[in-house]
């Protein structure tokens, strides 16, 4: 019950956390793709 109230009180804080997570995931994906391309380039 108290956790639900806390969630309703801080939606902006939660949004900032999500933005950070999305940014991190995006860079992680870009890094993984770049690494795969680099590996493929060295194999050929």
PDB file of N, CA and C in Angstrom:
ATOM      1  N   UNK A   1       0.841  -1.200   0.000  1.00  0.00           N
ATOM      2  CA  UNK A   1       0.000   0.000   0.000  1.00  0.00           C
ATOM      3  C   UNK A   1       0.880   1.256   0.000  1.00  0.00           C
ATOM      4  N   UNK A   2       1.889   1.295   0.862  1.00  0.00           N
ATOM      5  CA  UNK A   2       2.781   2.455   0.964  1.00  0.00           C
ATOM      6  C   UNK A   2       3.644   2.569  -0.299  1.00  0.00           C
ATOM      7  N   UNK A   3       4.000   1.423  -0.879  1.00  0.00           N
ATOM      8  CA  UNK A   3       4.797   1.411  -2.099  1.00  0.00           C
ATOM      9  C   UNK A   3       4.026   1.997  -3.266  1.00  0.00           C
ATOM     10  N   UNK A   4       2.713   1.750  -3.291  1.00  0.00           N
ATOM     11  CA  UNK A   4       1.855   2.272  -4.352  1.00  0.00           C
ATOM     12  C   UNK A   4       1.760   3.795  -4.268  1.00  0.00           C
ATOM     13  N   UNK A   5       1.683   4.311  -3.046  1.00  0.00           N
ATOM     14  CA  UNK A   5       1.605   5.753  -2.826  1.00  0.00           C
ATOM     15  C   UNK A   5       2.907   6.425  -3.253  1.00  0.00           C
ATOM     16  N   UNK A   6       4.020   5.790  -2.945  1.00  0.00           N
ATOM     17  CA  UNK A   6       5.342   6.317  -3.284  1.00  0.00           C
ATOM     18  C   UNK A   6       5.511   6.384  -4.807  1.00  0.00           C
ATOM     19  N   UNK A   7       4.984   5.396  -5.500  1.00  0.00           N
ATOM     20  CA  UNK A   7       5.057   5.343  -6.959  1.00  0.00           C
ATOM     21  C   UNK A   7       4.262   6.493  -7.586  1.00  0.00           C
ATOM     22  N   UNK A   8       3.112   6.803  -6.985  1.00  0.00           N
ATOM     23  CA  UNK A   8       2.256   7.884  -7.489  1.00  0.00           C
ATOM     24  C   UNK A   8       2.866   9.258  -7.200  1.00  0.00           C
ATOM     25  N   UNK A   9       3.646   9.348  -6.150  1.00  0.00           N
ATOM     26  CA  UNK A   9       4.247  10.617  -5.750  1.00  0.00           C
ATOM     27  C   UNK A   9       5.452  10.981  -6.618  1.00  0.00           C
ATOM     28  N   UNK A  10       6.171   9.992  -7.124  1.00  0.00           N
ATOM     29  CA  UNK A  10       7.398  10.276  -7.879  1.00  0.00           C
ATOM     30  C   UNK A  10       7.382   9.663  -9.285  1.00  0.00           C
ATOM     31  N   UNK A  11       6.488  10.150 -10.172  1.00  0.00           N
ATOM     32  CA  UNK A  11       6.492   9.611 -11.529  1.00  0.00           C
ATOM     33  C   UNK A  11       7.617  10.209 -12.374  1.00  0.00           C
ATOM     34  N   UNK A  12       8.001  11.448 -12.062  1.00  0.00           N
ATOM     35  CA  UNK A  12       9.079  12.134 -12.788  1.00  0.00           C
ATOM     36  C   UNK A  12      10.418  11.437 -12.529  1.00  0.00           C
ATOM     37  N   UNK A  13      10.641  11.049 -11.287  1.00  0.00           N
ATOM     38  CA  UNK A  13      11.867  10.352 -10.903  1.00  0.00           C
ATOM     39  C   UNK A  13      11.961   9.013 -11.642  1.00  0.00           C
ATOM     40  N   UNK A  14      10.809   8.348 -11.740  1.00  0.00           N
ATOM     41  CA  UNK A  14      10.736   7.061 -12.421  1.00  0.00           C
ATOM     42  C   UNK A  14      11.008   7.234 -13.913  1.00  0.00           C
ATOM     43  N   UNK A  15      10.513   8.330 -14.480  1.00  0.00           N
ATOM     44  CA  UNK A  15      10.698   8.636 -15.897  1.00  0.00           C
ATOM     45  C   UNK A  15      12.173   8.885 -16.204  1.00  0.00           C
ATOM     46  N   UNK A  16      12.845   9.596 -15.306  1.00  0.00           N
ATOM     47  CA  UNK A  16      14.279   9.879 -15.467  1.00  0.00           C
ATOM     48  C   UNK A  16      15.081   8.581 -15.445  1.00  0.00           C
ATOM     49  N   UNK A  17      14.682   7.670 -14.566  1.00  0.00           N
ATOM     50  CA  UNK A  17      15.344   6.370 -14.463  1.00  0.00           C
ATOM     51  C   UNK A  17      15.159   5.590 -15.760  1.00  0.00           C
ATOM     52  N   UNK A  18      13.939   5.623 -16.309  1.00  0.00           N
ATOM     53  CA  UNK A  18      13.641   4.930 -17.561  1.00  0.00           C
ATOM     54  C   UNK A  18      14.435   5.510 -18.719  1.00  0.00           C
ATOM     55  N   UNK A  19      14.559   6.851 -18.750  1.00  0.00           N
ATOM     56  CA  UNK A  19      15.341   7.515 -19.807  1.00  0.00           C
ATOM     57  C   UNK A  19      16.787   7.041 -19.759  1.00  0.00           C
ATOM     58  N   UNK A  20      17.321   6.918 -18.544  1.00  0.00           N
ATOM     59  CA  UNK A  20      18.692   6.471 -18.337  1.00  0.00           C
ATOM     60  C   UNK A  20      18.859   5.019 -18.793  1.00  0.00           C
ATOM     61  N   UNK A  21      17.883   4.183 -18.459  1.00  0.00           N
ATOM     62  CA  UNK A  21      17.904   2.767 -18.835  1.00  0.00           C
ATOM     63  C   UNK A  21      17.843   2.618 -20.359  1.00  0.00           C
ATOM     64  N   UNK A  22      16.947   3.386 -20.994  1.00  0.00           N
ATOM     65  CA  UNK A  22      16.793   3.333 -22.449  1.00  0.00           C
ATOM     66  C   UNK A  22      18.081   3.777 -23.142  1.00  0.00           C
ATOM     67  N   UNK A  23      18.690   4.859 -22.625  1.00  0.00           N
ATOM     68  CA  UNK A  23      19.935   5.382 -23.190  1.00  0.00           C
ATOM     69  C   UNK A  23      21.047   4.333 -23.067  1.00  0.00           C
ATOM     70  N   UNK A  24      21.124   3.689 -21.900  1.00  0.00           N
ATOM     71  CA  UNK A  24      22.126   2.659 -21.651  1.00  0.00           C
ATOM     72  C   UNK A  24      21.934   1.465 -22.584  1.00  0.00           C
ATOM     73  N   UNK A  25      20.675   1.026 -22.731  1.00  0.00           N
ATOM     74  CA  UNK A  25      20.351  -0.106 -23.590  1.00  0.00           C
ATOM     75  C   UNK A  25      20.666   0.199 -25.051  1.00  0.00           C
ATOM     76  N   UNK A  26      20.398   1.443 -25.466  1.00  0.00           N
ATOM     77  CA  UNK A  26      20.677   1.868 -26.846  1.00  0.00           C
ATOM     78  C   UNK A  26      22.170   1.795 -27.126  1.00  0.00           C
ATOM     79  N   UNK A  27      22.973   2.350 -26.212  1.00  0.00           N
ATOM     80  CA  UNK A  27      24.428   2.334 -26.389  1.00  0.00           C
ATOM     81  C   UNK A  27      24.982   0.919 -26.330  1.00  0.00           C
ATOM     82  N   UNK A  28      24.368   0.075 -25.501  1.00  0.00           N
ATOM     83  CA  UNK A  28      24.790  -1.321 -25.379  1.00  0.00           C
ATOM     84  C   UNK A  28      24.540  -2.055 -26.698  1.00  0.00           C
ATOM     85  N   UNK A  29      23.373  -1.782 -27.316  1.00  0.00           N
ATOM     86  CA  UNK A  29      23.016  -2.393 -28.598  1.00  0.00           C
ATOM     87  C   UNK A  29      23.965  -1.930 -29.696  1.00  0.00           C
ATOM     88  N   UNK A  30      24.239  -0.620 -29.742  1.00  0.00           N
ATOM     89  CA  UNK A  30      25.156  -0.048 -30.732  1.00  0.00           C
ATOM     90  C   UNK A  30      26.551  -0.669 -30.576  1.00  0.00           C
ATOM     91  N   UNK A  31      26.996  -0.785 -29.337  1.00  0.00           N
ATOM     92  CA  UNK A  31      28.300  -1.369 -29.044  1.00  0.00           C
ATOM     93  C   UNK A  31      28.393  -2.826 -29.469  1.00  0.00           C
ATOM     94  N   UNK A  32      27.320  -3.586 -29.241  1.00  0.00           N
ATOM     95  CA  UNK A  32      27.277  -4.995 -29.618  1.00  0.00           C
ATOM     96  C   UNK A  32      27.335  -5.152 -31.131  1.00  0.00           C
ATOM     97  N   UNK A  33      26.553  -4.328 -31.845  1.00  0.00           N
ATOM     98  CA  UNK A  33      26.533  -4.367 -33.309  1.00  0.00           C
ATOM     99  C   UNK A  33      27.911  -4.004 -33.862  1.00  0.00           C
ATOM    100  N   UNK A  34      28.524  -2.958 -33.299  1.00  0.00           N
ATOM    101  CA  UNK A  34      29.850  -2.510 -33.734  1.00  0.00           C
ATOM    102  C   UNK A  34      30.886  -3.618 -33.528  1.00  0.00           C
ATOM    103  N   UNK A  35      30.775  -4.322 -32.410  1.00  0.00           N
ATOM    104  CA  UNK A  35      31.698  -5.414 -32.100  1.00  0.00           C
ATOM    105  C   UNK A  35      31.526  -6.575 -33.082  1.00  0.00           C
ATOM    106  N   UNK A  36      30.273  -6.892 -33.419  1.00  0.00           N
ATOM    107  CA  UNK A  36      29.983  -7.959 -34.375  1.00  0.00           C
ATOM    108  C   UNK A  36      30.506  -7.614 -35.765  1.00  0.00           C
ATOM    109  N   UNK A  37      30.342  -6.352 -36.167  1.00  0.00           N
ATOM    110  CA  UNK A  37      30.833  -5.878 -37.466  1.00  0.00           C
ATOM    111  C   UNK A  37      32.357  -5.973 -37.514  1.00  0.00           C
ATOM    112  N   UNK A  38      32.993  -5.579 -36.416  1.00  0.00           N
ATOM    113  CA  UNK A  38      34.451  -5.625 -36.313  1.00  0.00           C
ATOM    114  C   UNK A  38      34.956  -7.071 -36.403  1.00  0.00           C
ATOM    115  N   UNK A  39      34.258  -7.984 -35.728  1.00  0.00           N
ATOM    116  CA  UNK A  39      34.621  -9.403 -35.755  1.00  0.00           C
ATOM    117  C   UNK A  39      34.446  -9.980 -37.152  1.00  0.00           C
ATOM    118  N   UNK A  40      33.354  -9.612 -37.817  1.00  0.00           N
ATOM    119  CA  UNK A  40      33.077 -10.080 -39.177  1.00  0.00           C
ATOM    120  C   UNK A  40      34.134  -9.553 -40.150  1.00  0.00           C
ATOM    121  N   UNK A  41      34.559  -8.308 -39.951  1.00  0.00           N
ATOM    122  CA  UNK A  41      35.566  -7.679 -40.811  1.00  0.00           C
ATOM    123  C   UNK A  41      36.927  -8.373 -40.672  1.00  0.00           C
ATOM    124  N   UNK A  42      37.261  -8.802 -39.467  1.00  0.00           N
ATOM    125  CA  UNK A  42      38.552  -9.460 -39.240  1.00  0.00           C
ATOM    126  C   UNK A  42      38.538 -10.902 -39.745  1.00  0.00           C
ATOM    127  N   UNK A  43      37.366 -11.524 -39.772  1.00  0.00           N
ATOM    128  CA  UNK A  43      37.244 -12.906 -40.239  1.00  0.00           C
ATOM    129  C   UNK A  43      37.346 -12.999 -41.754  1.00  0.00           C
ATOM    130  N   UNK A  44      36.831 -12.008 -42.452  1.00  0.00           N
ATOM    131  CA  UNK A  44      36.815 -12.017 -43.921  1.00  0.00           C
ATOM    132  C   UNK A  44      38.227 -11.785 -44.462  1.00  0.00           C
TER     133      UNK A  44
END
